[in-house]
């Protein structure tokens, strides 16, 4: 696959179906529970509509017009203070291991800083070892439990970083 036409850009309404497919496929591939995870979230089928406030953004990775990954920044739900959550970061196997995950993650962190957040929080599943390794390399520290109220009771990895 020639990946000369690659763009990291903000999500558009027409991207919803493709990013939903990418997200859902990862759960099956890595055998992550469907209950208590992003798989069940109301936002997953309508990602564009879910990131329209001033303090949130969702980026997609567009390769030759096909959406093959994404990740976003949102205020951490039901939590006081300037903490955002990096969320819904999933990639198609077609583009893994090429550095795009790091690129997108970096963009999310820079965006969070630009939006005035003081800390970045994220939740993950222990199955996603490559992702967790990237988070650690960016200075994210492990927490003993969840913050806020994401509803993702099946996520067993919680991490935070000061911005």
N, C-alpha and C. Protein backbone atom coordinates (compact mmCIF):
# COMPACT_ATOMS: atom_id res chain seq x y z
N UNK A 1 0.85 -1.19 0.00
CA UNK A 1 0.00 0.00 0.00
C UNK A 1 0.89 1.24 0.00
N UNK A 2 0.75 2.09 -0.99
CA UNK A 2 1.54 3.32 -1.03
C UNK A 2 0.98 4.30 -0.01
N UNK A 3 1.81 4.69 0.94
CA UNK A 3 1.28 5.62 1.93
C UNK A 3 1.94 6.97 1.77
N UNK A 4 1.95 7.46 0.53
CA UNK A 4 2.46 8.80 0.31
C UNK A 4 1.40 9.85 0.63
N UNK A 5 0.11 9.48 0.52
CA UNK A 5 -0.95 10.42 0.82
C UNK A 5 -1.52 10.17 2.20
N UNK A 6 -0.76 10.57 3.21
CA UNK A 6 -1.23 10.34 4.58
C UNK A 6 -1.44 11.69 5.26
N UNK A 7 -2.59 11.82 5.93
CA UNK A 7 -2.90 13.07 6.62
C UNK A 7 -3.45 12.75 7.99
N UNK A 8 -3.01 13.52 8.99
CA UNK A 8 -3.66 13.50 10.30
C UNK A 8 -4.51 14.76 10.30
N UNK A 9 -5.82 14.57 10.37
CA UNK A 9 -6.73 15.72 10.26
C UNK A 9 -7.90 15.55 11.21
N UNK A 10 -8.62 16.66 11.43
CA UNK A 10 -9.81 16.58 12.28
C UNK A 10 -10.89 15.77 11.58
N UNK A 11 -11.67 15.09 12.40
CA UNK A 11 -12.73 14.22 11.86
C UNK A 11 -13.79 15.03 11.12
N UNK A 12 -14.32 14.45 10.05
CA UNK A 12 -15.41 15.03 9.27
C UNK A 12 -16.62 14.10 9.38
N UNK A 13 -17.83 14.63 9.12
CA UNK A 13 -19.03 13.78 9.26
C UNK A 13 -18.96 12.49 8.45
N UNK A 14 -18.36 12.54 7.27
CA UNK A 14 -18.33 11.35 6.41
C UNK A 14 -17.34 10.28 6.89
N UNK A 15 -16.57 10.59 7.94
CA UNK A 15 -15.60 9.61 8.48
C UNK A 15 -16.23 8.66 9.49
N UNK A 16 -17.42 8.95 9.96
CA UNK A 16 -18.01 8.19 11.07
C UNK A 16 -18.00 6.68 10.86
N UNK A 17 -18.51 6.22 9.73
CA UNK A 17 -18.65 4.78 9.51
C UNK A 17 -17.28 4.09 9.49
N UNK A 18 -16.30 4.73 8.85
CA UNK A 18 -14.98 4.10 8.74
C UNK A 18 -14.27 4.02 10.09
N UNK A 19 -14.33 5.09 10.87
CA UNK A 19 -13.63 5.04 12.17
C UNK A 19 -14.35 4.10 13.12
N UNK A 20 -15.67 4.01 13.02
CA UNK A 20 -16.41 3.05 13.85
C UNK A 20 -15.95 1.63 13.55
N UNK A 21 -15.76 1.32 12.29
CA UNK A 21 -15.28 -0.02 11.89
C UNK A 21 -13.89 -0.31 12.46
N UNK A 22 -12.99 0.67 12.36
CA UNK A 22 -11.63 0.50 12.87
C UNK A 22 -11.68 0.22 14.38
N UNK A 23 -12.47 1.01 15.11
CA UNK A 23 -12.57 0.85 16.57
C UNK A 23 -13.11 -0.54 16.91
N UNK A 24 -14.23 -0.90 16.31
CA UNK A 24 -14.87 -2.19 16.66
C UNK A 24 -13.98 -3.39 16.31
N UNK A 25 -13.28 -3.32 15.20
CA UNK A 25 -12.43 -4.43 14.76
C UNK A 25 -11.33 -4.73 15.77
N UNK A 26 -10.79 -3.68 16.42
CA UNK A 26 -9.71 -3.87 17.39
C UNK A 26 -10.16 -4.70 18.58
N UNK A 27 -11.42 -4.55 18.98
CA UNK A 27 -11.93 -5.30 20.13
C UNK A 27 -11.95 -6.79 19.84
N UNK A 28 -12.37 -7.14 18.64
CA UNK A 28 -12.41 -8.55 18.26
C UNK A 28 -10.99 -9.10 18.09
N UNK A 29 -10.15 -8.30 17.43
CA UNK A 29 -8.78 -8.75 17.15
C UNK A 29 -8.01 -9.05 18.44
N UNK A 30 -8.14 -8.16 19.44
CA UNK A 30 -7.36 -8.31 20.68
C UNK A 30 -8.15 -8.99 21.80
N UNK A 31 -9.36 -9.46 21.47
CA UNK A 31 -10.21 -10.16 22.46
C UNK A 31 -10.45 -9.32 23.71
N UNK A 32 -10.75 -8.04 23.49
CA UNK A 32 -11.06 -7.13 24.59
C UNK A 32 -12.56 -7.24 24.85
N UNK A 33 -12.99 -7.21 26.13
CA UNK A 33 -14.43 -7.28 26.40
C UNK A 33 -15.20 -6.17 25.68
N UNK A 34 -16.40 -6.51 25.24
CA UNK A 34 -17.23 -5.51 24.55
C UNK A 34 -18.05 -4.71 25.56
N UNK A 35 -18.33 -5.32 26.70
CA UNK A 35 -19.08 -4.63 27.76
C UNK A 35 -18.12 -3.79 28.60
N UNK A 36 -18.57 -2.57 28.94
CA UNK A 36 -17.75 -1.71 29.79
C UNK A 36 -16.53 -1.18 29.09
N UNK A 37 -16.64 -1.00 27.78
CA UNK A 37 -15.53 -0.45 26.98
C UNK A 37 -16.10 0.50 25.92
N UNK A 38 -15.21 1.09 25.14
CA UNK A 38 -15.61 2.01 24.07
C UNK A 38 -16.51 1.32 23.04
N UNK A 39 -16.46 -0.01 23.00
CA UNK A 39 -17.28 -0.75 22.04
C UNK A 39 -18.75 -0.40 22.19
N UNK A 40 -19.16 -0.19 23.44
CA UNK A 40 -20.57 0.05 23.75
C UNK A 40 -20.94 1.54 23.78
N UNK A 41 -19.95 2.42 23.73
CA UNK A 41 -20.23 3.85 23.90
C UNK A 41 -21.21 4.38 22.86
N UNK A 42 -22.06 5.29 23.30
CA UNK A 42 -23.00 5.96 22.38
C UNK A 42 -22.24 6.74 21.32
N UNK A 43 -21.03 7.22 21.67
CA UNK A 43 -20.28 8.05 20.71
C UNK A 43 -19.72 7.25 19.54
N UNK A 44 -19.45 5.97 19.76
CA UNK A 44 -18.68 5.21 18.76
C UNK A 44 -19.28 5.26 17.35
N UNK A 45 -20.60 5.16 17.17
CA UNK A 45 -21.15 5.27 15.80
C UNK A 45 -21.22 6.72 15.29
N UNK A 46 -21.09 7.70 16.18
CA UNK A 46 -21.20 9.10 15.74
C UNK A 46 -20.07 9.93 16.34
N UNK A 47 -18.87 9.60 15.91
CA UNK A 47 -17.69 10.23 16.46
C UNK A 47 -17.59 11.71 16.11
N UNK A 48 -17.97 12.08 14.89
CA UNK A 48 -17.88 13.50 14.50
C UNK A 48 -18.73 14.35 15.43
N UNK A 49 -19.98 13.94 15.64
CA UNK A 49 -20.91 14.71 16.46
C UNK A 49 -20.47 14.77 17.92
N UNK A 50 -19.68 13.79 18.35
CA UNK A 50 -19.30 13.66 19.75
C UNK A 50 -18.12 14.54 20.15
N UNK A 51 -17.51 15.21 19.17
CA UNK A 51 -16.33 16.04 19.48
C UNK A 51 -16.49 17.44 18.90
N UNK A 52 -17.59 18.10 19.20
CA UNK A 52 -17.85 19.41 18.60
C UNK A 52 -17.73 20.58 19.57
N UNK A 53 -17.43 20.32 20.86
CA UNK A 53 -17.24 21.44 21.79
C UNK A 53 -15.85 22.05 21.63
N UNK A 54 -15.69 23.26 22.16
CA UNK A 54 -14.42 23.99 22.00
C UNK A 54 -13.24 23.31 22.67
N UNK A 55 -13.51 22.52 23.72
CA UNK A 55 -12.42 21.96 24.52
C UNK A 55 -12.16 20.50 24.18
N UNK A 56 -12.54 20.08 22.98
CA UNK A 56 -12.33 18.67 22.58
C UNK A 56 -12.07 18.59 21.09
N UNK A 57 -11.38 17.54 20.68
CA UNK A 57 -11.09 17.36 19.25
C UNK A 57 -10.82 15.88 19.00
N UNK A 58 -11.19 15.41 17.81
CA UNK A 58 -10.87 14.04 17.42
C UNK A 58 -10.16 14.09 16.08
N UNK A 59 -9.01 13.41 16.01
CA UNK A 59 -8.23 13.35 14.78
C UNK A 59 -8.34 11.97 14.15
N UNK A 60 -8.32 11.94 12.82
CA UNK A 60 -8.25 10.66 12.12
C UNK A 60 -6.98 10.63 11.29
N UNK A 61 -6.53 9.40 11.01
CA UNK A 61 -5.42 9.19 10.08
C UNK A 61 -6.02 8.74 8.77
N UNK A 62 -5.83 9.59 7.77
CA UNK A 62 -6.42 9.39 6.45
C UNK A 62 -5.30 8.96 5.51
N UNK A 63 -5.41 7.75 4.98
CA UNK A 63 -4.41 7.23 4.05
C UNK A 63 -5.07 7.05 2.69
N UNK A 64 -4.66 7.84 1.75
CA UNK A 64 -5.25 7.77 0.40
C UNK A 64 -6.79 7.80 0.44
N UNK A 65 -7.34 8.63 1.32
CA UNK A 65 -8.78 8.79 1.40
C UNK A 65 -9.49 7.77 2.27
N UNK A 66 -8.73 6.83 2.85
CA UNK A 66 -9.34 5.82 3.73
C UNK A 66 -8.94 6.12 5.17
N UNK A 67 -9.92 6.14 6.07
CA UNK A 67 -9.64 6.39 7.49
C UNK A 67 -9.19 5.09 8.14
N UNK A 68 -7.94 5.07 8.62
CA UNK A 68 -7.35 3.85 9.17
C UNK A 68 -6.95 3.96 10.64
N UNK A 69 -7.32 5.07 11.27
CA UNK A 69 -7.01 5.21 12.69
C UNK A 69 -7.53 6.53 13.20
N UNK A 70 -7.48 6.68 14.53
CA UNK A 70 -7.93 7.93 15.13
C UNK A 70 -7.65 7.99 16.61
N UNK A 71 -7.82 9.19 17.16
CA UNK A 71 -7.66 9.41 18.59
C UNK A 71 -8.10 10.81 18.93
N UNK A 72 -8.59 10.99 20.16
CA UNK A 72 -9.13 12.29 20.51
C UNK A 72 -8.83 12.74 21.93
N UNK A 73 -9.20 14.00 22.17
CA UNK A 73 -9.02 14.64 23.47
C UNK A 73 -10.37 15.20 23.90
N UNK A 74 -10.74 14.92 25.16
CA UNK A 74 -12.02 15.39 25.71
C UNK A 74 -11.82 15.67 27.19
N UNK A 75 -12.63 16.56 27.78
CA UNK A 75 -12.54 16.71 29.23
C UNK A 75 -12.88 15.39 29.91
N UNK A 76 -12.19 15.06 30.99
CA UNK A 76 -12.48 13.82 31.71
C UNK A 76 -13.86 13.95 32.37
N UNK A 77 -14.73 12.98 32.08
CA UNK A 77 -16.12 13.02 32.53
C UNK A 77 -16.24 12.95 34.05
N UNK A 78 -17.08 13.83 34.60
CA UNK A 78 -17.37 13.85 36.05
C UNK A 78 -16.11 13.97 36.89
N UNK A 79 -15.23 14.88 36.49
CA UNK A 79 -13.98 15.06 37.24
C UNK A 79 -13.69 16.56 37.32
N UNK A 80 -13.39 17.02 38.54
CA UNK A 80 -13.07 18.44 38.73
C UNK A 80 -11.63 18.69 38.35
N UNK A 81 -11.37 19.85 37.76
CA UNK A 81 -9.99 20.21 37.45
C UNK A 81 -9.69 20.13 35.97
N UNK A 82 -8.51 20.62 35.61
CA UNK A 82 -8.13 20.74 34.20
C UNK A 82 -7.51 19.45 33.69
N UNK A 83 -8.30 18.39 33.68
CA UNK A 83 -7.81 17.08 33.24
C UNK A 83 -8.58 16.65 32.00
N UNK A 84 -7.84 16.28 30.96
CA UNK A 84 -8.50 15.74 29.78
C UNK A 84 -8.24 14.25 29.70
N UNK A 85 -9.01 13.60 28.89
CA UNK A 85 -8.80 12.18 28.62
C UNK A 85 -8.41 12.04 27.16
N UNK A 86 -7.35 11.31 26.89
CA UNK A 86 -7.04 10.92 25.51
C UNK A 86 -7.82 9.63 25.29
N UNK A 87 -8.69 9.64 24.29
CA UNK A 87 -9.62 8.52 24.17
C UNK A 87 -9.86 8.09 22.74
N UNK A 88 -10.43 6.90 22.63
CA UNK A 88 -10.82 6.32 21.35
C UNK A 88 -9.64 6.31 20.37
N UNK A 89 -8.48 5.86 20.86
CA UNK A 89 -7.30 5.78 19.99
C UNK A 89 -7.14 4.34 19.50
N UNK A 90 -7.45 4.13 18.23
CA UNK A 90 -7.43 2.81 17.63
C UNK A 90 -6.86 2.91 16.22
N UNK A 91 -6.18 1.83 15.79
CA UNK A 91 -5.55 1.82 14.47
C UNK A 91 -5.82 0.52 13.74
N UNK A 92 -6.02 0.62 12.46
CA UNK A 92 -6.13 -0.57 11.60
C UNK A 92 -4.77 -1.27 11.55
N UNK A 93 -4.78 -2.61 11.46
CA UNK A 93 -3.51 -3.34 11.33
C UNK A 93 -2.70 -2.86 10.13
N UNK A 94 -3.36 -2.31 9.11
CA UNK A 94 -2.68 -1.87 7.89
C UNK A 94 -1.62 -0.80 8.16
N UNK A 95 -1.80 -0.02 9.23
CA UNK A 95 -0.85 1.08 9.45
C UNK A 95 -0.08 0.96 10.76
N UNK A 96 -0.23 -0.15 11.47
CA UNK A 96 0.49 -0.29 12.74
C UNK A 96 1.98 -0.49 12.51
N UNK A 97 2.77 -0.07 13.50
CA UNK A 97 4.21 -0.28 13.45
C UNK A 97 4.95 0.64 12.52
N UNK A 98 4.27 1.72 12.07
CA UNK A 98 4.92 2.66 11.13
C UNK A 98 5.13 4.03 11.76
N UNK A 99 4.82 4.15 13.06
CA UNK A 99 5.06 5.42 13.74
C UNK A 99 3.87 6.37 13.76
N UNK A 100 2.76 5.99 13.12
CA UNK A 100 1.61 6.90 13.07
C UNK A 100 0.92 7.03 14.42
N UNK A 101 0.95 5.96 15.21
CA UNK A 101 0.36 6.00 16.55
C UNK A 101 1.06 7.04 17.41
N UNK A 102 2.39 7.02 17.37
CA UNK A 102 3.17 8.00 18.13
C UNK A 102 2.87 9.42 17.65
N UNK A 103 2.80 9.57 16.34
CA UNK A 103 2.53 10.87 15.73
C UNK A 103 1.19 11.42 16.22
N UNK A 104 0.18 10.58 16.18
CA UNK A 104 -1.16 10.99 16.58
C UNK A 104 -1.21 11.26 18.08
N UNK A 105 -0.55 10.42 18.86
CA UNK A 105 -0.54 10.58 20.30
C UNK A 105 0.11 11.91 20.68
N UNK A 106 1.23 12.22 20.00
CA UNK A 106 1.94 13.48 20.22
C UNK A 106 1.03 14.66 19.89
N UNK A 107 0.30 14.55 18.80
CA UNK A 107 -0.62 15.62 18.39
C UNK A 107 -1.70 15.82 19.44
N UNK A 108 -2.21 14.74 20.00
CA UNK A 108 -3.23 14.84 21.05
C UNK A 108 -2.68 15.53 22.29
N UNK A 109 -1.45 15.20 22.67
CA UNK A 109 -0.84 15.82 23.86
C UNK A 109 -0.61 17.32 23.61
N UNK A 110 -0.10 17.66 22.45
CA UNK A 110 0.11 19.08 22.11
C UNK A 110 -1.21 19.83 22.10
N UNK A 111 -2.26 19.20 21.54
CA UNK A 111 -3.59 19.81 21.49
C UNK A 111 -4.11 20.04 22.91
N UNK A 112 -3.92 19.05 23.78
CA UNK A 112 -4.38 19.16 25.18
C UNK A 112 -3.70 20.35 25.86
N UNK A 113 -2.40 20.50 25.63
CA UNK A 113 -1.66 21.64 26.20
C UNK A 113 -2.25 22.94 25.66
N UNK A 114 -2.46 22.98 24.36
CA UNK A 114 -2.99 24.18 23.71
C UNK A 114 -4.38 24.55 24.21
N UNK A 115 -5.15 23.55 24.61
CA UNK A 115 -6.51 23.79 25.12
C UNK A 115 -6.49 24.16 26.61
N UNK A 116 -5.30 24.16 27.22
CA UNK A 116 -5.17 24.61 28.60
C UNK A 116 -5.31 23.53 29.66
N UNK A 117 -5.32 22.28 29.25
CA UNK A 117 -5.38 21.20 30.25
C UNK A 117 -4.06 21.10 31.00
N UNK A 118 -4.14 20.70 32.28
CA UNK A 118 -2.93 20.56 33.11
C UNK A 118 -2.45 19.11 33.19
N UNK A 119 -3.39 18.18 33.00
CA UNK A 119 -3.04 16.77 33.03
C UNK A 119 -3.79 16.01 31.95
N UNK A 120 -3.16 14.95 31.48
CA UNK A 120 -3.76 14.03 30.51
C UNK A 120 -3.97 12.69 31.19
N UNK A 121 -5.15 12.13 31.05
CA UNK A 121 -5.49 10.84 31.62
C UNK A 121 -5.87 9.90 30.49
N UNK A 122 -5.64 8.61 30.67
CA UNK A 122 -6.10 7.66 29.66
C UNK A 122 -6.38 6.32 30.32
N UNK A 123 -7.22 5.55 29.68
CA UNK A 123 -7.51 4.19 30.12
C UNK A 123 -7.22 3.26 28.96
N UNK A 124 -6.74 2.06 29.30
CA UNK A 124 -6.43 1.10 28.25
C UNK A 124 -6.74 -0.30 28.77
N UNK A 125 -6.51 -1.26 27.89
CA UNK A 125 -6.70 -2.66 28.26
C UNK A 125 -5.33 -3.33 28.25
N UNK A 126 -5.11 -4.23 29.19
CA UNK A 126 -3.79 -4.86 29.33
C UNK A 126 -3.38 -5.61 28.07
N UNK A 127 -4.36 -5.97 27.22
CA UNK A 127 -4.05 -6.67 25.96
C UNK A 127 -3.24 -5.79 24.99
N UNK A 128 -3.38 -4.47 25.13
CA UNK A 128 -2.79 -3.54 24.15
C UNK A 128 -1.37 -3.15 24.56
N UNK A 129 -0.49 -4.14 24.56
CA UNK A 129 0.86 -3.94 25.08
C UNK A 129 1.66 -2.89 24.31
N UNK A 130 1.54 -2.87 23.01
CA UNK A 130 2.31 -1.90 22.21
C UNK A 130 1.87 -0.47 22.55
N UNK A 131 0.56 -0.30 22.72
CA UNK A 131 0.03 1.03 23.04
C UNK A 131 0.54 1.49 24.41
N UNK A 132 0.48 0.61 25.39
CA UNK A 132 0.90 0.94 26.75
C UNK A 132 2.38 1.32 26.77
N UNK A 133 3.16 0.62 25.97
CA UNK A 133 4.59 0.92 25.85
C UNK A 133 4.79 2.35 25.33
N UNK A 134 4.00 2.75 24.34
CA UNK A 134 4.09 4.11 23.80
C UNK A 134 3.72 5.13 24.88
N UNK A 135 2.63 4.86 25.63
CA UNK A 135 2.21 5.80 26.68
C UNK A 135 3.33 5.98 27.70
N UNK A 136 3.95 4.88 28.10
CA UNK A 136 5.04 4.94 29.07
C UNK A 136 6.21 5.75 28.52
N UNK A 137 6.50 5.57 27.24
CA UNK A 137 7.63 6.28 26.63
C UNK A 137 7.39 7.79 26.60
N UNK A 138 6.12 8.21 26.64
CA UNK A 138 5.77 9.64 26.68
C UNK A 138 5.69 10.17 28.11
N UNK A 139 6.02 9.32 29.09
CA UNK A 139 6.05 9.79 30.47
C UNK A 139 4.75 9.61 31.24
N UNK A 140 3.83 8.82 30.71
CA UNK A 140 2.61 8.53 31.46
C UNK A 140 2.93 7.57 32.60
N UNK A 141 2.34 7.83 33.76
CA UNK A 141 2.56 7.00 34.95
C UNK A 141 1.30 6.17 35.23
N UNK A 142 1.51 4.95 35.71
CA UNK A 142 0.38 4.07 36.04
C UNK A 142 -0.31 4.52 37.33
N UNK A 143 -1.63 4.43 37.34
CA UNK A 143 -2.44 4.70 38.53
C UNK A 143 -3.00 3.38 39.05
N UNK A 144 -3.40 3.39 40.33
CA UNK A 144 -3.96 2.17 40.92
C UNK A 144 -5.44 2.01 40.64
N UNK A 145 -6.07 3.05 40.12
CA UNK A 145 -7.50 2.95 39.86
C UNK A 145 -7.94 4.03 38.89
N UNK A 146 -9.21 3.99 38.53
CA UNK A 146 -9.75 4.92 37.54
C UNK A 146 -10.00 6.29 38.15
N UNK A 147 -9.97 7.30 37.30
CA UNK A 147 -10.39 8.66 37.66
C UNK A 147 -11.64 8.98 36.85
N UNK A 148 -12.45 9.90 37.38
CA UNK A 148 -13.63 10.32 36.64
C UNK A 148 -14.63 9.19 36.50
N UNK A 149 -15.46 9.30 35.46
CA UNK A 149 -16.53 8.33 35.27
C UNK A 149 -16.70 8.02 33.79
N UNK A 150 -15.78 7.25 33.24
CA UNK A 150 -15.84 6.96 31.81
C UNK A 150 -16.84 5.84 31.51
N UNK A 151 -17.21 5.08 32.51
CA UNK A 151 -18.10 3.94 32.29
C UNK A 151 -17.38 2.71 31.76
N UNK A 152 -16.06 2.79 31.65
CA UNK A 152 -15.29 1.68 31.06
C UNK A 152 -14.76 0.76 32.15
N UNK A 153 -15.67 0.03 32.78
CA UNK A 153 -15.26 -0.82 33.91
C UNK A 153 -14.41 -2.01 33.48
N UNK A 154 -14.33 -2.29 32.19
CA UNK A 154 -13.50 -3.41 31.73
C UNK A 154 -12.07 -2.99 31.37
N UNK A 155 -11.76 -1.69 31.49
CA UNK A 155 -10.40 -1.25 31.24
C UNK A 155 -9.60 -1.40 32.53
N UNK A 156 -8.49 -2.13 32.47
CA UNK A 156 -7.73 -2.39 33.69
C UNK A 156 -6.44 -1.60 33.80
N UNK A 157 -6.21 -0.67 32.88
CA UNK A 157 -4.98 0.12 32.88
C UNK A 157 -5.38 1.59 32.90
N UNK A 158 -4.86 2.32 33.90
CA UNK A 158 -5.16 3.75 34.03
C UNK A 158 -3.85 4.48 34.15
N UNK A 159 -3.69 5.57 33.38
CA UNK A 159 -2.42 6.29 33.35
C UNK A 159 -2.65 7.79 33.31
N UNK A 160 -1.68 8.55 33.81
CA UNK A 160 -1.79 10.02 33.83
C UNK A 160 -0.43 10.66 33.58
N UNK A 161 -0.48 11.89 33.06
CA UNK A 161 0.74 12.65 32.81
C UNK A 161 0.46 14.13 33.07
N UNK A 162 1.42 14.81 33.74
CA UNK A 162 1.32 16.26 33.88
C UNK A 162 1.77 16.90 32.58
N UNK A 163 1.07 17.94 32.17
CA UNK A 163 1.43 18.61 30.90
C UNK A 163 2.33 19.81 31.17
